[in-house]
Amino acid sequence: MSGNKTGGNTGLGILVGAMLVLVAGIAYYLFTGGDVPPIGDEPEIQIDLPDN
């Protein structure tokens, strides 16, 4: 009886995939100059305080 193991490298594959996504995210961040693009229009908030 041979003890064939299948899926022994699943954890390694997940780890490599997560590292790949992380490196791609950092590369995109650096490529865009470190600025996160705005998501939609930002609301303009104006607060008027009384002069005392």
N, C-alpha and C. Protein backbone atom coordinates (compact mmCIF):
# COMPACT_ATOMS: atom_id res chain seq x y z
N MET A 1 0.84 -1.17 0.00
CA MET A 1 0.00 0.00 0.00
C MET A 1 0.89 1.24 0.00
N SER A 2 0.78 1.93 -1.06
CA SER A 2 1.55 3.17 -1.12
C SER A 2 0.72 4.30 -0.52
N GLY A 3 1.34 5.10 0.26
CA GLY A 3 0.64 6.22 0.90
C GLY A 3 0.68 7.45 0.03
N ASN A 4 -0.06 7.43 -1.06
CA ASN A 4 -0.08 8.59 -1.95
C ASN A 4 -0.79 9.74 -1.25
N LYS A 5 -0.11 10.87 -1.25
CA LYS A 5 -0.71 12.08 -0.68
C LYS A 5 -1.04 13.02 -1.84
N THR A 6 -2.23 13.52 -1.84
CA THR A 6 -2.59 14.52 -2.85
C THR A 6 -2.94 15.81 -2.15
N GLY A 7 -2.63 16.90 -2.76
CA GLY A 7 -2.96 18.20 -2.19
C GLY A 7 -1.99 18.64 -1.11
N GLY A 8 -0.80 18.09 -1.11
CA GLY A 8 0.18 18.46 -0.11
C GLY A 8 0.73 19.85 -0.30
N ASN A 9 0.61 20.37 -1.49
CA ASN A 9 1.16 21.70 -1.77
C ASN A 9 0.07 22.77 -1.82
N THR A 10 -1.10 22.45 -1.33
CA THR A 10 -2.20 23.42 -1.38
C THR A 10 -1.88 24.65 -0.55
N GLY A 11 -1.37 24.44 0.65
CA GLY A 11 -1.01 25.57 1.52
C GLY A 11 0.07 26.44 0.91
N LEU A 12 1.03 25.81 0.28
CA LEU A 12 2.11 26.55 -0.38
C LEU A 12 1.56 27.36 -1.55
N GLY A 13 0.63 26.81 -2.28
CA GLY A 13 0.03 27.52 -3.41
C GLY A 13 -0.77 28.73 -2.96
N ILE A 14 -1.49 28.58 -1.86
CA ILE A 14 -2.25 29.71 -1.31
C ILE A 14 -1.31 30.80 -0.84
N LEU A 15 -0.22 30.41 -0.18
CA LEU A 15 0.75 31.38 0.31
C LEU A 15 1.41 32.13 -0.85
N VAL A 16 1.80 31.42 -1.88
CA VAL A 16 2.43 32.06 -3.06
C VAL A 16 1.43 32.97 -3.75
N GLY A 17 0.18 32.55 -3.86
CA GLY A 17 -0.84 33.39 -4.49
C GLY A 17 -1.09 34.66 -3.70
N ALA A 18 -1.14 34.56 -2.37
CA ALA A 18 -1.34 35.74 -1.53
C ALA A 18 -0.16 36.70 -1.65
N MET A 19 1.05 36.16 -1.71
CA MET A 19 2.22 37.02 -1.87
C MET A 19 2.22 37.71 -3.23
N LEU A 20 1.77 37.00 -4.25
CA LEU A 20 1.70 37.58 -5.59
C LEU A 20 0.71 38.74 -5.62
N VAL A 21 -0.44 38.58 -4.99
CA VAL A 21 -1.44 39.64 -4.94
C VAL A 21 -0.89 40.83 -4.15
N LEU A 22 -0.20 40.57 -3.06
CA LEU A 22 0.38 41.65 -2.26
C LEU A 22 1.42 42.43 -3.04
N VAL A 23 2.30 41.73 -3.73
CA VAL A 23 3.35 42.39 -4.52
C VAL A 23 2.72 43.19 -5.66
N ALA A 24 1.68 42.65 -6.29
CA ALA A 24 1.01 43.38 -7.38
C ALA A 24 0.34 44.64 -6.83
N GLY A 25 -0.25 44.57 -5.66
CA GLY A 25 -0.86 45.75 -5.06
C GLY A 25 0.16 46.82 -4.72
N ILE A 26 1.28 46.42 -4.16
CA ILE A 26 2.34 47.39 -3.83
C ILE A 26 2.91 48.00 -5.11
N ALA A 27 3.10 47.19 -6.15
CA ALA A 27 3.62 47.71 -7.41
C ALA A 27 2.65 48.72 -8.02
N TYR A 28 1.36 48.44 -7.96
CA TYR A 28 0.37 49.38 -8.49
C TYR A 28 0.40 50.68 -7.69
N TYR A 29 0.49 50.57 -6.37
CA TYR A 29 0.54 51.75 -5.51
C TYR A 29 1.76 52.62 -5.85
N LEU A 30 2.91 51.99 -6.02
CA LEU A 30 4.11 52.75 -6.34
C LEU A 30 4.08 53.29 -7.76
N PHE A 31 3.49 52.53 -8.69
CA PHE A 31 3.42 52.97 -10.09
C PHE A 31 2.54 54.19 -10.24
N THR A 32 1.48 54.29 -9.43
CA THR A 32 0.58 55.44 -9.53
C THR A 32 1.09 56.64 -8.73
N GLY A 33 2.27 56.55 -8.18
CA GLY A 33 2.85 57.68 -7.47
C GLY A 33 2.46 57.72 -6.00
N GLY A 34 1.88 56.68 -5.49
CA GLY A 34 1.52 56.63 -4.09
C GLY A 34 0.20 57.28 -3.77
N ASP A 35 -0.54 57.73 -4.77
CA ASP A 35 -1.83 58.35 -4.55
C ASP A 35 -2.93 57.35 -4.82
N VAL A 36 -3.85 57.26 -3.88
CA VAL A 36 -5.00 56.39 -4.07
C VAL A 36 -6.04 57.18 -4.85
N PRO A 37 -6.52 56.64 -5.97
CA PRO A 37 -7.50 57.40 -6.75
C PRO A 37 -8.80 57.56 -5.96
N PRO A 38 -9.44 58.72 -6.10
CA PRO A 38 -10.69 58.94 -5.36
C PRO A 38 -11.80 58.02 -5.86
N ILE A 39 -12.64 57.62 -4.94
CA ILE A 39 -13.77 56.76 -5.28
C ILE A 39 -15.00 57.64 -5.34
N GLY A 40 -15.42 58.00 -6.53
CA GLY A 40 -16.61 58.84 -6.69
C GLY A 40 -16.32 60.28 -6.29
N ASP A 41 -17.37 61.05 -6.19
CA ASP A 41 -17.25 62.44 -5.79
C ASP A 41 -17.24 62.55 -4.27
N GLU A 42 -16.33 63.37 -3.77
CA GLU A 42 -16.29 63.60 -2.34
C GLU A 42 -17.25 64.73 -1.98
N PRO A 43 -18.04 64.55 -0.94
CA PRO A 43 -18.97 65.61 -0.56
C PRO A 43 -18.23 66.81 0.02
N GLU A 44 -18.74 67.98 -0.28
CA GLU A 44 -18.17 69.20 0.28
C GLU A 44 -18.95 69.54 1.54
N ILE A 45 -18.23 69.63 2.63
CA ILE A 45 -18.86 69.92 3.92
C ILE A 45 -18.39 71.29 4.37
N GLN A 46 -19.34 72.16 4.67
CA GLN A 46 -19.03 73.50 5.14
C GLN A 46 -19.75 73.71 6.45
N ILE A 47 -18.98 74.11 7.46
CA ILE A 47 -19.55 74.35 8.77
C ILE A 47 -19.34 75.82 9.10
N ASP A 48 -20.45 76.53 9.30
CA ASP A 48 -20.40 77.95 9.66
C ASP A 48 -20.64 78.08 11.16
N LEU A 49 -19.64 78.63 11.85
CA LEU A 49 -19.76 78.86 13.28
C LEU A 49 -20.04 80.33 13.54
N PRO A 50 -20.87 80.62 14.53
CA PRO A 50 -21.14 82.04 14.83
C PRO A 50 -19.91 82.71 15.44
N ASP A 51 -19.71 84.00 15.12
CA ASP A 51 -18.62 84.76 15.67
C ASP A 51 -19.01 85.29 17.04
N ASN A 52 -18.32 84.87 18.07
CA ASN A 52 -18.59 85.37 19.44
C ASN A 52 -17.37 86.03 19.99
